[in-house]
């Protein structure tokens, strides 16, 4: 899929209505649309009932999902992302709800010669 720096996202206003949002994620591999009901708790974003629409079956996958989660957390400047998927309508196990996925941002060290944030 490519590095986090190569991934951008934007809201798609004409597809859903409040409280559900649709986001188009632009990657080197193509555009993927995500639809969910977002909720913030502190610095963690939860996406309730997430649906994924991609160009080809299983294009996201586990490794790419981690890259996408990192891009969202970095772009939105949040520390955590929780994905609660919707009931599957197609693909693997239709009619079943996927397990909850939790992602956190890694601790980033300060650039060389600079004290860590909050120290100095």
C-alpha atoms as a PDB file:
ATOM      1  CA  UNK A   1       0.000   0.000   0.000  1.00  0.00           C
ATOM      2  CA  UNK A   2       2.881   2.380   0.656  1.00  0.00           C
ATOM      3  CA  UNK A   3       4.133   4.544   3.518  1.00  0.00           C
ATOM      4  CA  UNK A   4       1.845   6.654   5.703  1.00  0.00           C
ATOM      5  CA  UNK A   5       3.112   9.828   4.003  1.00  0.00           C
ATOM      6  CA  UNK A   6       1.611   8.615   0.688  1.00  0.00           C
ATOM      7  CA  UNK A   7      -1.898   8.239   2.131  1.00  0.00           C
ATOM      8  CA  UNK A   8      -4.431  11.063   2.284  1.00  0.00           C
ATOM      9  CA  UNK A   9      -8.115  11.154   3.122  1.00  0.00           C
ATOM     10  CA  UNK A  10     -11.107  13.402   2.642  1.00  0.00           C
ATOM     11  CA  UNK A  11     -14.766  13.440   3.635  1.00  0.00           C
ATOM     12  CA  UNK A  12     -17.367  12.487   1.007  1.00  0.00           C
ATOM     13  CA  UNK A  13     -20.325  14.716   1.825  1.00  0.00           C
ATOM     14  CA  UNK A  14     -23.000  13.507  -0.594  1.00  0.00           C
ATOM     15  CA  UNK A  15     -23.108   9.795   0.347  1.00  0.00           C
ATOM     16  CA  UNK A  16     -24.235   9.651   3.986  1.00  0.00           C
ATOM     17  CA  UNK A  17     -25.955  11.811   6.570  1.00  0.00           C
ATOM     18  CA  UNK A  18     -25.287  12.569  10.223  1.00  0.00           C
ATOM     19  CA  UNK A  19     -24.269  10.662  12.349  1.00  0.00           C
ATOM     20  CA  UNK A  20     -22.686   8.408   9.688  1.00  0.00           C
ATOM     21  CA  UNK A  21     -19.741   9.752   7.682  1.00  0.00           C
ATOM     22  CA  UNK A  22     -17.991   8.518   4.568  1.00  0.00           C
ATOM     23  CA  UNK A  23     -14.275   9.021   4.065  1.00  0.00           C
ATOM     24  CA  UNK A  24     -12.348   8.401   0.859  1.00  0.00           C
ATOM     25  CA  UNK A  25      -8.794   7.238   1.514  1.00  0.00           C
ATOM     26  CA  UNK A  26      -6.370   7.825  -1.339  1.00  0.00           C
ATOM     27  CA  UNK A  27      -3.470   5.342  -1.428  1.00  0.00           C
ATOM     28  CA  UNK A  28      -0.836   4.439  -4.040  1.00  0.00           C
ATOM     29  CA  UNK A  29      -2.902   1.254  -4.627  1.00  0.00           C
ATOM     30  CA  UNK A  30      -6.159   3.164  -5.271  1.00  0.00           C
ATOM     31  CA  UNK A  31      -9.079   4.749  -3.428  1.00  0.00           C
ATOM     32  CA  UNK A  32     -10.906   2.996  -0.595  1.00  0.00           C
ATOM     33  CA  UNK A  33     -14.124   4.302   0.994  1.00  0.00           C
ATOM     34  CA  UNK A  34     -14.950   3.839   4.663  1.00  0.00           C
ATOM     35  CA  UNK A  35     -18.366   4.483   6.177  1.00  0.00           C
ATOM     36  CA  UNK A  36     -18.981   4.567   9.950  1.00  0.00           C
ATOM     37  CA  UNK A  37     -20.463   6.432  12.881  1.00  0.00           C
ATOM     38  CA  UNK A  38     -17.522   8.173  14.600  1.00  0.00           C
ATOM     39  CA  UNK A  39     -17.277   8.945  18.324  1.00  0.00           C
ATOM     40  CA  UNK A  40     -14.411  10.674  20.155  1.00  0.00           C
ATOM     41  CA  UNK A  41     -13.475   9.825  23.744  1.00  0.00           C
ATOM     42  CA  UNK A  42     -10.453  11.821  24.838  1.00  0.00           C
ATOM     43  CA  UNK A  43      -7.779  11.277  22.185  1.00  0.00           C
ATOM     44  CA  UNK A  44      -9.306   8.039  20.872  1.00  0.00           C
ATOM     45  CA  UNK A  45     -11.609   7.796  17.858  1.00  0.00           C
ATOM     46  CA  UNK A  46     -14.076   4.898  17.691  1.00  0.00           C
ATOM     47  CA  UNK A  47     -15.636   3.979  14.359  1.00  0.00           C
ATOM     48  CA  UNK A  48     -18.943   2.208  15.035  1.00  0.00           C
ATOM     49  CA  UNK A  49     -20.416  -0.028  12.327  1.00  0.00           C
ATOM     50  CA  UNK A  50     -17.526   0.388   9.901  1.00  0.00           C
ATOM     51  CA  UNK A  51     -18.142  -0.628   6.276  1.00  0.00           C
ATOM     52  CA  UNK A  52     -15.301  -0.795   3.740  1.00  0.00           C
ATOM     53  CA  UNK A  53     -15.725  -0.386   0.004  1.00  0.00           C
ATOM     54  CA  UNK A  54     -12.620  -1.062  -2.030  1.00  0.00           C
ATOM     55  CA  UNK A  55     -11.954  -1.652  -5.686  1.00  0.00           C
ATOM     56  CA  UNK A  56     -11.027  -5.302  -5.342  1.00  0.00           C
ATOM     57  CA  UNK A  57     -11.922  -8.023  -2.882  1.00  0.00           C
ATOM     58  CA  UNK A  58      -9.764  -8.074   0.268  1.00  0.00           C
ATOM     59  CA  UNK A  59      -7.605  -5.169  -0.938  1.00  0.00           C
ATOM     60  CA  UNK A  60      -7.111  -3.814   2.582  1.00  0.00           C
ATOM     61  CA  UNK A  61      -5.920  -6.869   4.547  1.00  0.00           C
ATOM     62  CA  UNK A  62      -4.360  -6.840   8.022  1.00  0.00           C
ATOM     63  CA  UNK A  63      -0.994  -5.259   7.148  1.00  0.00           C
ATOM     64  CA  UNK A  64      -2.565  -2.486   5.081  1.00  0.00           C
ATOM     65  CA  UNK A  65      -5.170  -1.839   7.767  1.00  0.00           C
ATOM     66  CA  UNK A  66      -2.332  -1.036  10.185  1.00  0.00           C
ATOM     67  CA  UNK A  67      -0.854   1.451   7.681  1.00  0.00           C
ATOM     68  CA  UNK A  68      -4.276   3.057   7.188  1.00  0.00           C
ATOM     69  CA  UNK A  69      -4.849   3.262  10.963  1.00  0.00           C
ATOM     70  CA  UNK A  70      -1.443   4.939  11.409  1.00  0.00           C
ATOM     71  CA  UNK A  71      -2.290   7.443   8.653  1.00  0.00           C
ATOM     72  CA  UNK A  72      -5.639   8.314  10.270  1.00  0.00           C
ATOM     73  CA  UNK A  73      -4.130   8.700  13.758  1.00  0.00           C
ATOM     74  CA  UNK A  74      -1.286  10.834  12.420  1.00  0.00           C
ATOM     75  CA  UNK A  75      -3.534  12.959  10.184  1.00  0.00           C
ATOM     76  CA  UNK A  76      -6.097  13.573  12.928  1.00  0.00           C
ATOM     77  CA  UNK A  77      -3.459  13.896  15.678  1.00  0.00           C
ATOM     78  CA  UNK A  78      -5.128  11.284  17.878  1.00  0.00           C
ATOM     79  CA  UNK A  79      -3.533   8.562  20.005  1.00  0.00           C
ATOM     80  CA  UNK A  80      -5.973   5.700  19.519  1.00  0.00           C
ATOM     81  CA  UNK A  81      -8.344   4.235  16.952  1.00  0.00           C
ATOM     82  CA  UNK A  82     -10.997   1.597  17.682  1.00  0.00           C
ATOM     83  CA  UNK A  83     -12.781  -0.121  14.810  1.00  0.00           C
ATOM     84  CA  UNK A  84     -16.104  -1.833  15.465  1.00  0.00           C
ATOM     85  CA  UNK A  85     -17.044  -3.392  12.144  1.00  0.00           C
ATOM     86  CA  UNK A  86     -20.611  -3.786  10.938  1.00  0.00           C
ATOM     87  CA  UNK A  87     -22.280  -7.099  10.223  1.00  0.00           C
ATOM     88  CA  UNK A  88     -20.697  -8.588   7.123  1.00  0.00           C
ATOM     89  CA  UNK A  89     -22.971  -8.658   4.098  1.00  0.00           C
ATOM     90  CA  UNK A  90     -20.518 -10.320   1.686  1.00  0.00           C
ATOM     91  CA  UNK A  91     -17.123 -11.988   1.743  1.00  0.00           C
ATOM     92  CA  UNK A  92     -15.911 -14.036   4.679  1.00  0.00           C
ATOM     93  CA  UNK A  93     -18.647 -15.097   7.115  1.00  0.00           C
ATOM     94  CA  UNK A  94     -21.660 -13.091   5.886  1.00  0.00           C
ATOM     95  CA  UNK A  95     -24.045 -12.266   8.742  1.00  0.00           C
ATOM     96  CA  UNK A  96     -21.274 -12.200  11.363  1.00  0.00           C
ATOM     97  CA  UNK A  97     -19.770  -9.191  13.088  1.00  0.00           C
ATOM     98  CA  UNK A  98     -15.950  -8.910  12.971  1.00  0.00           C
ATOM     99  CA  UNK A  99     -13.961  -8.595  16.183  1.00  0.00           C
ATOM    100  CA  UNK A 100     -13.126  -5.148  17.567  1.00  0.00           C
ATOM    101  CA  UNK A 101      -9.733  -3.834  16.429  1.00  0.00           C
ATOM    102  CA  UNK A 102      -7.696  -1.392  18.528  1.00  0.00           C
ATOM    103  CA  UNK A 103      -4.749   0.657  17.310  1.00  0.00           C
ATOM    104  CA  UNK A 104      -2.485   3.069  19.204  1.00  0.00           C
ATOM    105  CA  UNK A 105       0.182   5.471  18.026  1.00  0.00           C
ATOM    106  CA  UNK A 106       3.719   4.544  18.905  1.00  0.00           C
ATOM    107  CA  UNK A 107       5.764   6.823  21.127  1.00  0.00           C
ATOM    108  CA  UNK A 108       7.961   8.947  18.935  1.00  0.00           C
ATOM    109  CA  UNK A 109      11.369  10.024  20.164  1.00  0.00           C
ATOM    110  CA  UNK A 110      12.451  13.658  19.998  1.00  0.00           C
ATOM    111  CA  UNK A 111      14.736  14.697  17.127  1.00  0.00           C
ATOM    112  CA  UNK A 112      18.426  14.460  17.992  1.00  0.00           C
ATOM    113  CA  UNK A 113      19.576  17.314  20.187  1.00  0.00           C
ATOM    114  CA  UNK A 114      16.059  18.271  21.324  1.00  0.00           C
ATOM    115  CA  UNK A 115      14.542  17.325  24.690  1.00  0.00           C
ATOM    116  CA  UNK A 116      11.378  15.175  24.669  1.00  0.00           C
ATOM    117  CA  UNK A 117       8.079  17.072  24.730  1.00  0.00           C
ATOM    118  CA  UNK A 118       7.331  18.422  28.183  1.00  0.00           C
ATOM    119  CA  UNK A 119      11.006  18.425  29.239  1.00  0.00           C
ATOM    120  CA  UNK A 120      12.890  21.626  28.840  1.00  0.00           C
END
